[in-house]
Amino acid sequence: MLQLDQELKNNAYPGRGIVIGRSEDGEYAVTAYFIMGRSSNSRNRVFVTEGEGIRTEAFDPSKLEDPSLIIYAPVRVLGSHTIVTNGDQTDTVFEGLKAGKTFEQSLRSREFEPDGPNYTPRISGLMHVEKGNYSYSLSILKSDGGSPDCCCRYTFDYDRPAAGEGHFIHTYMHDGNPLPSFQGEPKKVQIQGDIDSFTKLVWDSLNEENRVSLFVRYIHIATGQTAASRIVNKNEK
């Protein structure tokens, strides 16, 4: 099991990342989603609350250049499901689940982002908390070794996750031009502390120059209700 803080500290640019797991005491389903940016357009963002979820918003609307891949709802809630993604496929999963599709089936209509030469992967997570039971899934849709001719689709399911354990998936292996897509299975990482200490650990471990925003949520497994959420924005309104 890897230490999440070290994974983040040793990577100046993991891009966008999703962590899903279970708290140390076993009582909470845990998720974290962060965004980073290299361009002024990507850095000109904040997370704001929207209903039971969040959305991205331009910090300075006058400086917003291209909203197509940076303005979206990363987190939405549908009943016992919490959806966390790095793009507007959050809405695709939400509508798919409403129509009776599975997480994997819902994402069949999507592929990696059209931002060549990076072809940024679409990473998505789904948490299911109901009647004291908890499971989660992670997905990545990525180009075939940087070629846009083929979309590689991977879904990872985790039933009855152990206390203090989670999985971490992010868009890029490291900084570069073009940016190299994430490879392999989601990383098994340790989930430590309460929501405030966990939020601090993640935020403090992200590269100070490139970090933009972080969202963390703890959901009480016994009730399925949100226990607490935290938003950290580099750009404070």
C-alpha atoms as a PDB file:
ATOM      1  CA  MET A   1       0.000   0.000   0.000  1.00  0.00           C
ATOM      2  CA  LEU A   2       1.355   3.381  -1.048  1.00  0.00           C
ATOM      3  CA  GLN A   3       1.441   6.602   0.955  1.00  0.00           C
ATOM      4  CA  LEU A   4      -0.791   9.125  -0.808  1.00  0.00           C
ATOM      5  CA  ASP A   5       1.230  12.139   0.307  1.00  0.00           C
ATOM      6  CA  GLN A   6       4.414  10.670  -1.161  1.00  0.00           C
ATOM      7  CA  GLU A   7       2.680   9.802  -4.432  1.00  0.00           C
ATOM      8  CA  LEU A   8       1.626  13.433  -4.736  1.00  0.00           C
ATOM      9  CA  LYS A   9       4.834  15.056  -3.517  1.00  0.00           C
ATOM     10  CA  ASN A  10       6.908  13.043  -5.973  1.00  0.00           C
ATOM     11  CA  ASN A  11       4.819  14.065  -8.987  1.00  0.00           C
ATOM     12  CA  ALA A  12       4.808  17.751  -9.937  1.00  0.00           C
ATOM     13  CA  TYR A  13       1.935  17.272 -12.357  1.00  0.00           C
ATOM     14  CA  PRO A  14      -0.454  14.318 -11.908  1.00  0.00           C
ATOM     15  CA  GLY A  15      -3.115  16.517 -13.558  1.00  0.00           C
ATOM     16  CA  ARG A  16      -6.546  15.723 -12.155  1.00  0.00           C
ATOM     17  CA  GLY A  17      -6.962  12.961  -9.596  1.00  0.00           C
ATOM     18  CA  ILE A  18      -9.633  10.891  -7.863  1.00  0.00           C
ATOM     19  CA  VAL A  19      -9.178   9.073  -4.563  1.00  0.00           C
ATOM     20  CA  ILE A  20     -11.923   6.768  -3.235  1.00  0.00           C
ATOM     21  CA  GLY A  21     -11.700   4.546  -0.178  1.00  0.00           C
ATOM     22  CA  ARG A  22     -12.754   3.963   3.414  1.00  0.00           C
ATOM     23  CA  SER A  23     -11.761   5.898   6.521  1.00  0.00           C
ATOM     24  CA  GLU A  24      -9.387   4.474   9.115  1.00  0.00           C
ATOM     25  CA  ASP A  25     -12.201   3.878  11.598  1.00  0.00           C
ATOM     26  CA  GLY A  26     -14.273   2.118   8.931  1.00  0.00           C
ATOM     27  CA  GLU A  27     -17.258   4.416   9.418  1.00  0.00           C
ATOM     28  CA  TYR A  28     -16.995   6.591   6.336  1.00  0.00           C
ATOM     29  CA  ALA A  29     -16.831   6.290   2.574  1.00  0.00           C
ATOM     30  CA  VAL A  30     -14.166   8.772   1.487  1.00  0.00           C
ATOM     31  CA  THR A  31     -13.512  10.570  -1.767  1.00  0.00           C
ATOM     32  CA  ALA A  32     -11.187  13.341  -2.875  1.00  0.00           C
ATOM     33  CA  TYR A  33     -10.996  15.070  -6.246  1.00  0.00           C
ATOM     34  CA  PHE A  34      -8.350  17.605  -7.206  1.00  0.00           C
ATOM     35  CA  ILE A  35      -7.540  19.663 -10.273  1.00  0.00           C
ATOM     36  CA  MET A  36      -4.229  21.177 -11.325  1.00  0.00           C
ATOM     37  CA  GLY A  37      -3.264  23.501 -14.147  1.00  0.00           C
ATOM     38  CA  ARG A  38      -0.289  24.649 -16.209  1.00  0.00           C
ATOM     39  CA  SER A  39      -2.029  27.230 -18.410  1.00  0.00           C
ATOM     40  CA  SER A  40      -3.633  30.453 -17.198  1.00  0.00           C
ATOM     41  CA  ASN A  41      -6.997  29.156 -18.437  1.00  0.00           C
ATOM     42  CA  SER A  42      -6.727  25.957 -16.374  1.00  0.00           C
ATOM     43  CA  ARG A  43      -5.554  27.852 -13.294  1.00  0.00           C
ATOM     44  CA  ASN A  44      -8.409  30.354 -13.511  1.00  0.00           C
ATOM     45  CA  ARG A  45     -10.867  28.074 -11.682  1.00  0.00           C
ATOM     46  CA  VAL A  46     -12.518  27.425  -8.342  1.00  0.00           C
ATOM     47  CA  PHE A  47     -14.823  24.732  -6.978  1.00  0.00           C
ATOM     48  CA  VAL A  48     -18.253  25.896  -5.830  1.00  0.00           C
ATOM     49  CA  THR A  49     -21.117  23.967  -4.263  1.00  0.00           C
ATOM     50  CA  GLU A  50     -24.013  23.035  -6.539  1.00  0.00           C
ATOM     51  CA  GLY A  51     -26.863  21.063  -4.958  1.00  0.00           C
ATOM     52  CA  GLU A  52     -25.395  17.942  -3.358  1.00  0.00           C
ATOM     53  CA  GLY A  53     -22.338  18.158  -5.582  1.00  0.00           C
ATOM     54  CA  ILE A  54     -19.906  20.740  -6.922  1.00  0.00           C
ATOM     55  CA  ARG A  55     -19.035  22.458 -10.182  1.00  0.00           C
ATOM     56  CA  THR A  56     -16.051  24.362 -11.528  1.00  0.00           C
ATOM     57  CA  GLU A  57     -16.348  28.067 -12.122  1.00  0.00           C
ATOM     58  CA  ALA A  58     -14.040  30.708 -13.590  1.00  0.00           C
ATOM     59  CA  PHE A  59     -12.316  32.645 -10.805  1.00  0.00           C
ATOM     60  CA  ASP A  60     -12.048  35.678 -13.082  1.00  0.00           C
ATOM     61  CA  PRO A  61     -14.742  35.391 -15.798  1.00  0.00           C
ATOM     62  CA  SER A  62     -13.045  38.125 -17.866  1.00  0.00           C
ATOM     63  CA  LYS A  63      -9.997  35.858 -18.311  1.00  0.00           C
ATOM     64  CA  LEU A  64     -11.918  32.712 -19.284  1.00  0.00           C
ATOM     65  CA  GLU A  65     -10.645  31.536 -22.681  1.00  0.00           C
ATOM     66  CA  ASP A  66     -12.082  28.115 -23.584  1.00  0.00           C
ATOM     67  CA  PRO A  67     -14.679  26.700 -21.148  1.00  0.00           C
ATOM     68  CA  SER A  68     -15.243  23.443 -23.049  1.00  0.00           C
ATOM     69  CA  LEU A  69     -12.958  21.159 -21.030  1.00  0.00           C
ATOM     70  CA  ILE A  70     -12.572  23.096 -17.785  1.00  0.00           C
ATOM     71  CA  ILE A  71     -16.126  24.076 -16.754  1.00  0.00           C
ATOM     72  CA  TYR A  72     -18.165  21.069 -15.606  1.00  0.00           C
ATOM     73  CA  ALA A  73     -19.714  19.364 -12.569  1.00  0.00           C
ATOM     74  CA  PRO A  74     -17.089  17.011 -11.078  1.00  0.00           C
ATOM     75  CA  VAL A  75     -19.427  15.647  -8.379  1.00  0.00           C
ATOM     76  CA  ARG A  76     -23.133  14.782  -8.557  1.00  0.00           C
ATOM     77  CA  VAL A  77     -25.329  12.646  -6.328  1.00  0.00           C
ATOM     78  CA  LEU A  78     -28.119  10.322  -7.464  1.00  0.00           C
ATOM     79  CA  GLY A  79     -29.793   8.567  -4.544  1.00  0.00           C
ATOM     80  CA  SER A  80     -27.247   6.212  -2.986  1.00  0.00           C
ATOM     81  CA  HIS A  81     -24.702   6.952  -5.737  1.00  0.00           C
ATOM     82  CA  THR A  82     -22.006   9.630  -5.657  1.00  0.00           C
ATOM     83  CA  ILE A  83     -20.390  10.281  -9.041  1.00  0.00           C
ATOM     84  CA  VAL A  84     -16.916  11.843  -9.249  1.00  0.00           C
ATOM     85  CA  THR A  85     -15.230  12.554 -12.592  1.00  0.00           C
ATOM     86  CA  ASN A  86     -12.761  14.871 -14.304  1.00  0.00           C
ATOM     87  CA  GLY A  87     -15.173  16.148 -16.958  1.00  0.00           C
ATOM     88  CA  ASP A  88     -18.711  16.481 -18.199  1.00  0.00           C
ATOM     89  CA  GLN A  89     -19.015  12.693 -18.245  1.00  0.00           C
ATOM     90  CA  THR A  90     -20.366  13.194 -14.718  1.00  0.00           C
ATOM     91  CA  ASP A  91     -23.626  14.109 -16.451  1.00  0.00           C
ATOM     92  CA  THR A  92     -23.327  11.113 -18.791  1.00  0.00           C
ATOM     93  CA  VAL A  93     -23.046   8.723 -15.831  1.00  0.00           C
ATOM     94  CA  PHE A  94     -25.846  10.502 -13.954  1.00  0.00           C
ATOM     95  CA  GLU A  95     -28.259  10.192 -16.893  1.00  0.00           C
ATOM     96  CA  GLY A  96     -27.133   6.632 -17.603  1.00  0.00           C
ATOM     97  CA  LEU A  97     -27.814   5.469 -14.063  1.00  0.00           C
ATOM     98  CA  LYS A  98     -31.233   7.148 -14.162  1.00  0.00           C
ATOM     99  CA  ALA A  99     -31.979   5.182 -17.342  1.00  0.00           C
ATOM    100  CA  GLY A 100     -31.010   1.879 -15.698  1.00  0.00           C
ATOM    101  CA  LYS A 101     -27.558   1.525 -17.225  1.00  0.00           C
ATOM    102  CA  THR A 102     -24.484   0.455 -15.273  1.00  0.00           C
ATOM    103  CA  PHE A 103     -21.518   2.729 -14.636  1.00  0.00           C
ATOM    104  CA  GLU A 104     -19.525   0.995 -17.352  1.00  0.00           C
ATOM    105  CA  GLN A 105     -22.391   1.028 -19.861  1.00  0.00           C
ATOM    106  CA  SER A 106     -22.990   4.732 -19.267  1.00  0.00           C
ATOM    107  CA  LEU A 107     -19.388   5.553 -20.199  1.00  0.00           C
ATOM    108  CA  ARG A 108     -19.528   3.565 -23.447  1.00  0.00           C
ATOM    109  CA  SER A 109     -20.680   6.700 -25.240  1.00  0.00           C
ATOM    110  CA  ARG A 110     -17.587   8.664 -24.160  1.00  0.00           C
ATOM    111  CA  GLU A 111     -13.852   8.507 -24.779  1.00  0.00           C
ATOM    112  CA  PHE A 112     -10.689  10.475 -23.930  1.00  0.00           C
ATOM    113  CA  GLU A 113     -10.704  14.272 -24.257  1.00  0.00           C
ATOM    114  CA  PRO A 114     -10.144  15.774 -27.752  1.00  0.00           C
ATOM    115  CA  ASP A 115      -7.113  17.797 -26.668  1.00  0.00           C
ATOM    116  CA  GLY A 116      -4.381  16.318 -28.861  1.00  0.00           C
ATOM    117  CA  PRO A 117      -1.516  15.654 -28.565  1.00  0.00           C
ATOM    118  CA  ASN A 118      -2.253  14.948 -24.881  1.00  0.00           C
ATOM    119  CA  TYR A 119      -5.605  13.163 -25.388  1.00  0.00           C
ATOM    120  CA  THR A 120      -6.233  13.506 -21.671  1.00  0.00           C
ATOM    121  CA  PRO A 121      -7.875  10.412 -20.155  1.00  0.00           C
ATOM    122  CA  ARG A 122     -11.367  10.662 -18.749  1.00  0.00           C
ATOM    123  CA  ILE A 123     -11.242   9.301 -15.209  1.00  0.00           C
ATOM    124  CA  SER A 124     -14.436   8.567 -13.310  1.00  0.00           C
ATOM    125  CA  GLY A 125     -15.509   7.130  -9.978  1.00  0.00           C
ATOM    126  CA  LEU A 126     -18.804   5.835  -8.590  1.00  0.00           C
ATOM    127  CA  MET A 127     -19.496   5.290  -4.888  1.00  0.00           C
ATOM    128  CA  HIS A 128     -22.496   3.223  -3.789  1.00  0.00           C
ATOM    129  CA  VAL A 129     -23.456   3.549  -0.128  1.00  0.00           C
ATOM    130  CA  GLU A 130     -26.719   1.951   0.959  1.00  0.00           C
ATOM    131  CA  LYS A 131     -28.035   0.251   4.108  1.00  0.00           C
ATOM    132  CA  GLY A 132     -24.589  -0.100   5.638  1.00  0.00           C
ATOM    133  CA  ASN A 133     -23.045  -1.537   2.474  1.00  0.00           C
ATOM    134  CA  TYR A 134     -20.324   0.236   0.514  1.00  0.00           C
ATOM    135  CA  SER A 135     -18.654  -0.433  -2.814  1.00  0.00           C
ATOM    136  CA  TYR A 136     -17.010   1.713  -5.453  1.00  0.00           C
ATOM    137  CA  SER A 137     -15.765   1.649  -9.025  1.00  0.00           C
ATOM    138  CA  LEU A 138     -13.128   3.554 -10.976  1.00  0.00           C
ATOM    139  CA  SER A 139     -12.851   3.969 -14.742  1.00  0.00           C
ATOM    140  CA  ILE A 140     -10.324   5.341 -17.195  1.00  0.00           C
ATOM    141  CA  LEU A 141     -10.904   5.979 -20.897  1.00  0.00           C
ATOM    142  CA  LYS A 142      -7.573   6.648 -22.605  1.00  0.00           C
ATOM    143  CA  SER A 143      -5.906   6.774 -25.991  1.00  0.00           C
ATOM    144  CA  ASP A 144      -3.895   3.801 -27.178  1.00  0.00           C
ATOM    145  CA  GLY A 145      -0.354   4.900 -26.356  1.00  0.00           C
ATOM    146  CA  GLY A 146      -1.087   8.446 -27.501  1.00  0.00           C
ATOM    147  CA  SER A 147      -2.884   7.377 -30.684  1.00  0.00           C
ATOM    148  CA  PRO A 148      -6.431   8.755 -30.979  1.00  0.00           C
ATOM    149  CA  ASP A 149      -7.420   5.919 -33.336  1.00  0.00           C
ATOM    150  CA  CYS A 150      -8.269   3.575 -30.445  1.00  0.00           C
ATOM    151  CA  CYS A 151      -9.956   4.210 -27.089  1.00  0.00           C
ATOM    152  CA  CYS A 152      -8.882   1.840 -24.326  1.00  0.00           C
ATOM    153  CA  ARG A 153     -11.545   1.331 -21.633  1.00  0.00           C
ATOM    154  CA  TYR A 154     -10.810   0.014 -18.148  1.00  0.00           C
ATOM    155  CA  THR A 155     -13.193  -0.351 -15.196  1.00  0.00           C
ATOM    156  CA  PHE A 156     -12.119  -1.453 -11.705  1.00  0.00           C
ATOM    157  CA  ASP A 157     -14.675  -2.544  -9.089  1.00  0.00           C
ATOM    158  CA  TYR A 158     -14.064  -2.720  -5.340  1.00  0.00           C
ATOM    159  CA  ASP A 159     -16.558  -4.484  -3.071  1.00  0.00           C
ATOM    160  CA  ARG A 160     -16.464  -4.177   0.745  1.00  0.00           C
ATOM    161  CA  PRO A 161     -13.305  -2.010   0.870  1.00  0.00           C
ATOM    162  CA  ALA A 162     -11.149  -2.392   3.980  1.00  0.00           C
ATOM    163  CA  ALA A 163     -10.845   0.372   6.563  1.00  0.00           C
ATOM    164  CA  GLY A 164      -7.951   2.734   5.967  1.00  0.00           C
ATOM    165  CA  GLU A 165      -7.542   1.721   2.333  1.00  0.00           C
ATOM    166  CA  GLY A 166      -8.420   3.357  -0.962  1.00  0.00           C
ATOM    167  CA  HIS A 167      -7.448   3.702  -4.605  1.00  0.00           C
ATOM    168  CA  PHE A 168      -5.986   6.658  -6.478  1.00  0.00           C
ATOM    169  CA  ILE A 169      -6.187   7.308 -10.203  1.00  0.00           C
ATOM    170  CA  HIS A 170      -4.968  10.418 -12.031  1.00  0.00           C
ATOM    171  CA  THR A 171      -4.736  11.660 -15.585  1.00  0.00           C
ATOM    172  CA  TYR A 172      -0.973  11.933 -16.153  1.00  0.00           C
ATOM    173  CA  MET A 173       1.992   9.851 -15.081  1.00  0.00           C
ATOM    174  CA  HIS A 174       4.083  13.026 -14.737  1.00  0.00           C
ATOM    175  CA  ASP A 175       4.753  16.368 -16.400  1.00  0.00           C
ATOM    176  CA  GLY A 176       5.819  16.377 -20.047  1.00  0.00           C
ATOM    177  CA  ASN A 177       5.035  17.486 -23.593  1.00  0.00           C
ATOM    178  CA  PRO A 178       2.876  15.751 -24.580  1.00  0.00           C
ATOM    179  CA  LEU A 179       1.607  14.703 -21.142  1.00  0.00           C
ATOM    180  CA  PRO A 180       1.867  10.904 -20.688  1.00  0.00           C
ATOM    181  CA  SER A 181      -1.431   9.229 -19.751  1.00  0.00           C
ATOM    182  CA  PHE A 182      -1.871   7.273 -16.520  1.00  0.00           C
ATOM    183  CA  GLN A 183      -0.857   3.625 -16.819  1.00  0.00           C
ATOM    184  CA  GLY A 184      -1.793   0.477 -14.910  1.00  0.00           C
ATOM    185  CA  GLU A 185      -4.358  -0.169 -12.203  1.00  0.00           C
ATOM    186  CA  PRO A 186      -5.477   2.509  -9.721  1.00  0.00           C
ATOM    187  CA  LYS A 187      -2.881   2.829  -6.964  1.00  0.00           C
ATOM    188  CA  LYS A 188      -3.718   1.303  -3.601  1.00  0.00           C
ATOM    189  CA  VAL A 189      -3.200   4.042  -1.012  1.00  0.00           C
ATOM    190  CA  GLN A 190      -3.656   4.560   2.701  1.00  0.00           C
ATOM    191  CA  ILE A 191      -6.592   6.687   3.888  1.00  0.00           C
ATOM    192  CA  GLN A 192      -5.610   8.533   7.057  1.00  0.00           C
ATOM    193  CA  GLY A 193      -7.327  10.694   9.654  1.00  0.00           C
ATOM    194  CA  ASP A 194     -10.560  12.643   9.825  1.00  0.00           C
ATOM    195  CA  ILE A 195     -11.802  14.838   6.996  1.00  0.00           C
ATOM    196  CA  ASP A 196      -9.794  17.880   8.036  1.00  0.00           C
ATOM    197  CA  SER A 197      -6.466  16.098   8.449  1.00  0.00           C
ATOM    198  CA  PHE A 198      -7.022  14.128   5.230  1.00  0.00           C
ATOM    199  CA  THR A 199      -7.887  17.310   3.319  1.00  0.00           C
ATOM    200  CA  LYS A 200      -4.761  18.990   4.654  1.00  0.00           C
ATOM    201  CA  LEU A 201      -2.586  15.996   3.759  1.00  0.00           C
ATOM    202  CA  VAL A 202      -3.788  15.989   0.145  1.00  0.00           C
ATOM    203  CA  TRP A 203      -3.655  19.761  -0.387  1.00  0.00           C
ATOM    204  CA  ASP A 204      -0.262  20.216   1.235  1.00  0.00           C
ATOM    205  CA  SER A 205       1.170  17.374  -0.872  1.00  0.00           C
ATOM    206  CA  LEU A 206       0.077  18.830  -4.228  1.00  0.00           C
ATOM    207  CA  ASN A 207       2.629  20.917  -6.112  1.00  0.00           C
ATOM    208  CA  GLU A 208       2.132  24.469  -4.862  1.00  0.00           C
ATOM    209  CA  GLU A 209       2.551  26.107  -8.274  1.00  0.00           C
ATOM    210  CA  ASN A 210       0.233  23.773 -10.177  1.00  0.00           C
ATOM    211  CA  ARG A 211      -2.523  22.972  -7.662  1.00  0.00           C
ATOM    212  CA  VAL A 212      -5.872  24.691  -8.265  1.00  0.00           C
ATOM    213  CA  SER A 213      -8.724  23.159  -6.241  1.00  0.00           C
ATOM    214  CA  LEU A 214      -9.560  20.195  -3.990  1.00  0.00           C
ATOM    215  CA  PHE A 215     -12.850  18.622  -2.896  1.00  0.00           C
ATOM    216  CA  VAL A 216     -13.141  16.019  -0.108  1.00  0.00           C
ATOM    217  CA  ARG A 217     -16.254  14.251   1.161  1.00  0.00           C
ATOM    218  CA  TYR A 218     -16.888  11.764   3.976  1.00  0.00           C
ATOM    219  CA  ILE A 219     -20.152   9.783   3.749  1.00  0.00           C
ATOM    220  CA  HIS A 220     -21.475   7.907   6.792  1.00  0.00           C
ATOM    221  CA  ILE A 221     -21.745   4.273   5.662  1.00  0.00           C
ATOM    222  CA  ALA A 222     -24.366   3.303   8.250  1.00  0.00           C
ATOM    223  CA  THR A 223     -26.813   5.979   7.076  1.00  0.00           C
ATOM    224  CA  GLY A 224     -25.658   6.781   3.540  1.00  0.00           C
ATOM    225  CA  GLN A 225     -25.754  10.479   4.428  1.00  0.00           C
ATOM    226  CA  THR A 226     -22.975  12.991   3.799  1.00  0.00           C
ATOM    227  CA  ALA A 227     -21.138  13.548   7.071  1.00  0.00           C
ATOM    228  CA  ALA A 228     -18.959  16.437   5.895  1.00  0.00           C
ATOM    229  CA  SER A 229     -17.460  18.029   2.781  1.00  0.00           C
ATOM    230  CA  ARG A 230     -14.516  20.349   2.269  1.00  0.00           C
ATOM    231  CA  ILE A 231     -13.494  22.620  -0.617  1.00  0.00           C
ATOM    232  CA  VAL A 232     -10.036  24.205  -0.901  1.00  0.00           C
ATOM    233  CA  ASN A 233      -9.389  26.749  -3.661  1.00  0.00           C
ATOM    234  CA  LYS A 234      -6.037  28.306  -4.446  1.00  0.00           C
ATOM    235  CA  ASN A 235      -7.973  31.271  -5.819  1.00  0.00           C
ATOM    236  CA  GLU A 236     -10.148  32.487  -2.971  1.00  0.00           C
ATOM    237  CA  LYS A 237     -13.160  34.630  -3.832  1.00  0.00           C
END
